[in-house]
Amino acid sequence: MQPKYKRILLKLSGEALAGDQKHGINESVVAGVVDQLVKVHEMGVEVALVIGGGNFWRGRQGTNMDRATADHMGMLATVMNSLAMMDAIEKRGIPTRVQTALNMISVAEPYVLRKALHHFEKGRIVIMACGTGNPYCSTDTAAAQRACEIDADVLLMAKNVDGIYDSDPSVNPRAKKYDSLRFGDIVNQGLKAMDATAATMCMENNIPVLAFGLGEENSILRAVCGEHIGTLISNK
């Protein structure tokens, strides 16, 4: 297999990392992701990761909590996932750096674009945590922003469903899966699978997005090699 892309940003949902247990970190799911990342790295592909925090904290979780406070708690959840992923990757012999949009220098580097690019040159995987560092911004938006900043060839969004549908497939068994979409369709049709701000950012910077199911066999590896899985979102 040959890679289609030289530099990727992979967005992992926190819920996907939880697997069937629905909360926390499922070690077998993490091991499966790492197995694929090792192969992608060995192909010479430069890899950045953005990981959500929904397996630990999502939104206000039904509380009356201030939105900004809840969002900052979500950012901290992404750090836990990022450190766990770093540990798993480094145990496979690949140097990895976690960079955070909120300063917490005892556990990770501050996010600095030029340092991230230097890590790629040195063959390291870079995990970008804490979203954008700002409340009211989703990790989808953070992934899109980081993909634009590092000039990624593609934004890969690994989810717990196998693509983007016209309605929730867990509720509607007749939901239609899209093979491809234009960025404008995400906004105009109100599709919830990708944040509208993230879609607009990728549209303006011409970065294609591939949304696919993390649970499919070798889905990350197949996506990097250009196999048409999931739903491709682009300007074409």
Foldseek 3Di string as FASTA:
>chain_A
DAFPWQEEEEEEEQQQQCPPVRADGDVVLLLQVLVLVVVVLVNNHAYEYEYWQVNHADQPVPDPDDQFVSLQVRLVSRVVVVVVSQVSNVVVPAAEFEAECDDDPVRHHHDDLVVSVVCSVVSYYYYYTSQNVGGPDGNLQSSLVSCLSNVTQAYEYADQAFAFWLDDCVVDVPTDFALEEELVCCVVSVGPPGDNNSSVSCAVSFHKYFYGHSPPRSVVNCVRRPNRTYYIYGND
